[in-house]
Amino acid sequence: MLCRKKAPHPSRRAVSRWARLSAFAVFALWLTSSPAKAEEILGTDPATPGHFQIEQRFAYFSTFDPLEQGQNVNRAAKSSRAVTGETEIGYGVTDGYEIALTTPYAYARATPPGGTDLDYALQTGGFTFRQTFMQPDYAEKNLYFGLVVRGIYRPPGGLTPELYVDRNTVPGLAGTLGPRFVMEANPNFSLMLTPLVGARFDDWEIMFNANFTTALDAPGSAFEPSLRIANHITDKWTVGIEYFANLGPIGEVVPWNQQTQTVYLVAGTKFLGAEVSAGVGYGLTAASRGPAAKISIGYDF
């Protein structure tokens, strides 16, 4: 989310706290019927030390199914769209250390590895345990660093992660003509390491994330850089540009049309005690071309 500076909340009565949380949950469930990619740049708004933070993210975007990009001559190309979501509960252990549990889900076309398209359906993605480490007093520094470590579990039949594998390791694709690497990884366990760098210049802030994800029990990896440039135009409002990409497996860069590259115009504010961030964007490559939108709502308690 975009509004990063946040003072500790004063104590509230338990009834008021849970009433607000319940109202937020109802609103988040209502949003699932709206198109809104749950893409996020980390290191901008951790939970306040000693407090929990619930964050709901939704997105609408053009999906990338490599088999629909002409990699299998026996299948016709199709446009594919998805509504994705993530629910995350985090806890600020200290000013520089946060833990969080995330569960993703999506309404999208299900495509088994090397298989044929299924109908659109609600899919789940298991859960992710995240730890965020920031350097001490990062909030007071103009240049700061951090590291995010995520352990990811995807149940059998759950959402397929966006990891690349050599096509010759995919049943049904081995020995066929097409790009060397395809997004057909099918792991149950993955590890993601995200070094992050932030910089501040007056009212401007720049944040760079570099996701290195590797499957632990099957082939597959991906390098996904992201960048945010934002301006704090008032104490409550921030506007900026965010960029997300998936460039290929770790150590390789796939051709431009196989990469996913999306740029968003974003804005963030505080509303009724919640921090809200929203953006509209567009994919720049054949693998990601199309409109995209996202919204994130977070609340400390």
Foldseek 3Di string as FASTA:
>chain_A
DAQADDDDDDDDDPVVVVVVVVVVVVVLVVCQVPAFAQDDFPDRHAFDAPWKKKKKKKKKFWAFAPVLVCLDVVDHHDTWIKIKMKIKMKHHNDPFKIKMKMWIKMFTWDAAFLGDIDDTDIFTFAMKIKMKGWDPPPVVDQKTKIKMKIKGFGDVVGDQDQWKDQQLVTPNRNPGDDFRIGRNDDAGIKIWMWIKMKGDDVQKIKIKIWIWMAGDPTGTIWIKIKMWIWGCPDSFKIWTKIKIKTQHGPPDGTDQQNMWIKMWTKMWGDDPQKIKMKIKIATDHNRTGDIMIMMMIMHID
